[in-house]
Structure formats: structure tokens, C-alpha cells
């Protein structure tokens, strides 16, 4: 498999999952500005949407959208437990988390990257984001991870998008349980390996 990625983007999430599962894969870096891959291909021929992540399977099929990719990967090695069994109530809960992260945290944070947005508009988006952080703080009370005591693909995704807070001067220490959660995930060997690889790539 090939994972098309760019540093400091949501492609870190499936990168972490691939390493958690100890699957064989190749990383292909994408320049987000030129839309060229590190090996000189037009990324738009791989994913016409123009953004990472994209996962190329051994048979040449391309899968896009982070929540779909991480669930597909987790199901390749269900015994690892990164996603509950398909069709179970717990799997629906996982999908609920993935949808919340996608629509509220990922989309809500990504807007703040836009340098043309006036500061007063950014302030509105920050306030909405902070309300979502309050919700996460409440949900993590008494839990190690989003689904309870077990690390899941939802945690890989949330860790990835919350990591962008450093770019927006948002201090997660204002939400102690969220800050502790991030620190806990950061110590995982697969997470450290993915971060170091992307930083040096």
C-alpha cells in the first residue's frame, strides 16, 4: 500500500494507524501547493479532490477521506482492536466520533489556516471550537481514550487535528483533560514514529 501524505495535515492520522497495525506501506510525500508527488506525479490524477490523505491499495484502487481510510485499515487487522467489529453498537459509536471530529474539530480548525479571514471572523470560529473543546473535556472525564480504555482510530484522528492548535496559538492547557489526553497519545511508539518520519521526510 501507498499512503500519500503531507506534513502537518490530516494524513498523519492514517499514518499513525498504519504504524499501530504494523502494516507494510510506502509513504509518498505530496506538495500541497504544486500538487506534485515526491516522485514527480500529478497528485490530481491520484485524488482529483486535490488533498491528502489518499491510500493506494495493492490492486491500484484509491481510497480517500481519512475516516474511511482508518476504518478500512483497522478492519485489515481486527484483532488489534483499533475499531470495534463492523455492525456492532460500539462501531456505530466510533463512527459517531469520527463524524464529530470531521465536521466540528477538523473543519472548524481548518478555517483558521485561511490568512485572508478577518480577525473578528476567526474569533467567531475560535469560540465555536472552544465550545467543542469543552464538550471533549467533559467526555474524557474518567476515560483514557474517546471509546474508554482502548486506543482507537478516532484517537489517532483527534490527536492529529488537535495538534494544529499550536499553529493558532491555542493553549490546550486551558482544558486539562484534553491536554493530558494529547500527552498520553504522544507517548505511543507508533505516534512518535509517524511524527519523526514526517518531520525528517
Protein backbone atom coordinates (compact mmCIF):
# COMPACT_ATOMS: atom_id res chain seq x y z
CA UNK A 1 0.00 0.00 0.00
CA UNK A 2 0.99 3.61 -0.53
CA UNK A 3 -0.07 6.47 1.73
CA UNK A 4 0.02 9.88 0.08
CA UNK A 5 0.69 12.43 2.80
CA UNK A 6 1.82 15.95 3.57
CA UNK A 7 3.35 17.03 6.88
CA UNK A 8 1.09 18.87 9.37
CA UNK A 9 -2.09 17.65 7.70
CA UNK A 10 -4.82 15.15 8.50
CA UNK A 11 -2.85 12.41 6.69
CA UNK A 12 -0.96 11.94 9.96
CA UNK A 13 -4.00 10.04 11.26
CA UNK A 14 -3.85 7.09 8.81
CA UNK A 15 -0.05 7.22 9.06
CA UNK A 16 -0.33 6.58 12.81
CA UNK A 17 -2.87 3.81 12.22
CA UNK A 18 -0.64 2.05 9.69
CA UNK A 19 2.17 2.03 12.25
CA UNK A 20 -0.10 0.92 15.09
CA UNK A 21 -1.17 -2.04 12.94
CA UNK A 22 2.43 -2.75 11.81
CA UNK A 23 1.29 -2.98 8.19
CA UNK A 24 3.72 -2.74 5.29
CA UNK A 25 3.33 0.53 3.41
CA UNK A 26 5.17 3.16 1.42
CA UNK A 27 4.94 6.87 2.19
CA UNK A 28 4.65 9.22 -0.78
CA UNK A 29 5.01 12.89 0.07
CA UNK A 30 2.74 15.39 -1.68
CA UNK A 31 3.48 19.09 -2.16
CA UNK A 32 0.21 20.76 -1.22
CA UNK A 33 0.99 23.85 -3.30
CA UNK A 34 2.20 22.31 -6.56
CA UNK A 35 0.10 19.14 -6.20
CA UNK A 36 3.12 17.09 -7.25
CA UNK A 37 4.21 13.92 -5.51
CA UNK A 38 7.80 13.40 -4.40
CA UNK A 39 8.28 11.07 -7.36
CA UNK A 40 7.06 13.72 -9.83
CA UNK A 41 3.47 12.67 -10.47
CA UNK A 42 0.42 14.92 -10.64
CA UNK A 43 -1.42 14.19 -7.40
CA UNK A 44 -4.70 15.25 -9.02
CA UNK A 45 -4.53 12.10 -11.14
CA UNK A 46 -4.47 10.12 -7.88
CA UNK A 47 -7.03 12.14 -5.96
CA UNK A 48 -8.93 14.67 -8.09
CA UNK A 49 -10.11 16.35 -4.86
CA UNK A 50 -6.54 17.55 -4.52
CA UNK A 51 -5.92 16.86 -0.85
CA UNK A 52 -4.32 14.18 1.29
CA UNK A 53 -4.73 11.59 2.61
CA UNK A 54 -5.07 9.06 -0.17
CA UNK A 55 -4.38 5.37 0.22
CA UNK A 56 -3.40 3.32 -2.82
CA UNK A 57 -4.13 -0.36 -2.37
CA UNK A 58 -2.07 -3.20 -3.77
CA UNK A 59 -4.56 -3.64 -6.62
CA UNK A 60 -4.30 0.05 -7.57
CA UNK A 61 -7.61 1.17 -6.06
CA UNK A 62 -7.51 4.57 -4.36
CA UNK A 63 -9.31 5.30 -1.11
CA UNK A 64 -9.70 8.88 0.12
CA UNK A 65 -11.18 10.63 3.19
CA UNK A 66 -9.43 10.00 6.49
CA UNK A 67 -12.33 8.42 8.43
CA UNK A 68 -12.93 5.90 5.63
CA UNK A 69 -9.22 5.12 5.33
CA UNK A 70 -8.65 4.49 9.04
CA UNK A 71 -11.69 2.20 9.32
CA UNK A 72 -10.57 0.24 6.27
CA UNK A 73 -7.11 -0.17 7.76
CA UNK A 74 -8.41 -1.17 11.20
CA UNK A 75 -10.53 -3.90 9.61
CA UNK A 76 -7.44 -5.42 7.97
CA UNK A 77 -6.27 -6.45 11.45
CA UNK A 78 -9.40 -6.57 13.63
CA UNK A 79 -7.53 -8.47 16.32
CA UNK A 80 -5.54 -5.31 17.15
CA UNK A 81 -8.77 -3.62 18.23
CA UNK A 82 -8.38 -0.16 16.68
CA UNK A 83 -12.04 -0.30 15.64
CA UNK A 84 -14.91 -2.34 17.08
CA UNK A 85 -16.44 -5.08 14.96
CA UNK A 86 -18.40 -3.83 11.93
CA UNK A 87 -22.13 -3.95 12.64
CA UNK A 88 -21.74 -3.65 16.41
CA UNK A 89 -23.16 -0.83 18.51
CA UNK A 90 -19.62 0.14 19.51
CA UNK A 91 -18.72 0.54 15.82
CA UNK A 92 -21.59 2.98 15.40
CA UNK A 93 -20.24 4.93 18.38
CA UNK A 94 -16.83 5.02 16.73
CA UNK A 95 -18.41 6.38 13.55
CA UNK A 96 -20.22 8.97 15.64
CA UNK A 97 -16.86 10.14 17.00
CA UNK A 98 -15.25 10.17 13.56
CA UNK A 99 -18.09 12.27 12.17
CA UNK A 100 -17.88 14.70 15.09
CA UNK A 101 -14.12 15.09 14.66
CA UNK A 102 -14.50 15.59 10.91
CA UNK A 103 -17.28 18.16 10.99
CA UNK A 104 -16.61 20.02 14.22
CA UNK A 105 -12.89 19.80 15.01
CA UNK A 106 -11.21 19.20 11.64
CA UNK A 107 -13.44 21.53 9.60
CA UNK A 108 -13.64 24.06 12.42
CA UNK A 109 -9.86 24.21 12.80
CA UNK A 110 -9.02 24.19 9.10
CA UNK A 111 -10.80 27.53 8.61
CA UNK A 112 -8.26 29.18 10.90
CA UNK A 113 -5.48 28.40 8.42
CA UNK A 114 -7.01 30.92 6.00
CA UNK A 115 -4.83 34.08 6.22
CA UNK A 116 -7.43 36.18 4.43
CA UNK A 117 -10.07 35.72 7.13
CA UNK A 118 -10.51 38.90 9.22
CA UNK A 119 -9.59 38.53 12.88
CA UNK A 120 -13.16 39.11 14.06
CA UNK A 121 -14.35 36.22 11.88
CA UNK A 122 -11.57 33.98 13.19
CA UNK A 123 -12.66 34.90 16.70
CA UNK A 124 -16.14 33.56 15.98
CA UNK A 125 -14.70 30.28 14.73
CA UNK A 126 -12.40 30.03 17.76
CA UNK A 127 -15.32 30.46 20.15
CA UNK A 128 -17.24 27.69 18.41
CA UNK A 129 -14.17 25.48 18.53
CA UNK A 130 -13.72 26.19 22.23
CA UNK A 131 -17.28 25.01 22.91
CA UNK A 132 -16.39 21.74 21.18
CA UNK A 133 -13.26 21.51 23.35
CA UNK A 134 -15.47 21.94 26.42
CA UNK A 135 -17.55 19.00 25.19
CA UNK A 136 -14.44 16.87 24.66
CA UNK A 137 -13.20 17.78 28.13
CA UNK A 138 -16.49 16.52 29.60
CA UNK A 139 -16.44 13.34 27.51
CA UNK A 140 -12.88 12.47 28.56
CA UNK A 141 -13.69 12.69 32.27
CA UNK A 142 -12.87 9.25 33.68
CA UNK A 143 -11.70 7.91 30.33
CA UNK A 144 -8.26 7.16 28.93
CA UNK A 145 -9.41 7.43 25.30
CA UNK A 146 -12.55 8.50 23.44
CA UNK A 147 -14.01 4.99 23.43
CA UNK A 148 -12.97 4.25 27.01
CA UNK A 149 -9.81 2.36 27.95
CA UNK A 150 -8.84 1.31 24.40
CA UNK A 151 -6.99 3.43 21.82
CA UNK A 152 -8.93 3.60 18.55
CA UNK A 153 -8.68 5.17 15.11
CA UNK A 154 -10.80 8.05 16.45
CA UNK A 155 -8.00 8.91 18.88
CA UNK A 156 -5.45 8.95 16.06
CA UNK A 157 -7.69 11.38 14.18
CA UNK A 158 -8.45 13.66 17.13
CA UNK A 159 -4.77 13.77 18.12
CA UNK A 160 -3.92 14.83 14.57
CA UNK A 161 -6.34 17.73 14.28
CA UNK A 162 -5.84 18.96 17.86
CA UNK A 163 -2.13 19.11 17.04
CA UNK A 164 -2.91 22.06 14.79
CA UNK A 165 -3.73 24.23 17.82
CA UNK A 166 -0.06 25.19 18.04
CA UNK A 167 -0.41 26.97 14.69
CA UNK A 168 -3.29 29.07 16.04
CA UNK A 169 -1.74 29.93 19.44
CA UNK A 170 -4.47 27.94 21.19
CA UNK A 171 -3.27 26.62 24.53
CA UNK A 172 -4.84 23.23 25.24
CA UNK A 173 -3.76 23.54 28.88
CA UNK A 174 -6.98 25.52 29.29
CA UNK A 175 -8.63 22.07 29.01
CA UNK A 176 -6.53 19.92 31.39
CA UNK A 177 -8.11 16.59 30.49
CA UNK A 178 -7.68 17.33 26.78
CA UNK A 179 -4.07 18.34 27.32
CA UNK A 180 -3.38 15.17 29.33
CA UNK A 181 -5.08 13.10 26.63
CA UNK A 182 -2.81 14.60 23.97
CA UNK A 183 0.28 13.95 26.09
CA UNK A 184 -0.82 10.34 26.63
CA UNK A 185 -1.23 9.68 22.92
CA UNK A 186 2.03 11.44 22.12
CA UNK A 187 3.94 8.79 24.09
CA UNK A 188 2.70 5.91 21.93
CA UNK A 189 5.60 4.43 19.90
CA UNK A 190 3.60 4.41 16.64
CA UNK A 191 2.72 8.07 17.11
CA UNK A 192 6.31 9.07 17.79
CA UNK A 193 7.50 7.05 14.80
CA UNK A 194 4.99 8.72 12.48
CA UNK A 195 5.82 12.21 13.77
CA UNK A 196 9.58 11.69 13.46
CA UNK A 197 9.28 10.21 9.99
CA UNK A 198 7.17 13.09 8.72
CA UNK A 199 9.45 15.68 10.33
CA UNK A 200 12.50 14.19 8.64
CA UNK A 201 10.81 13.45 5.31
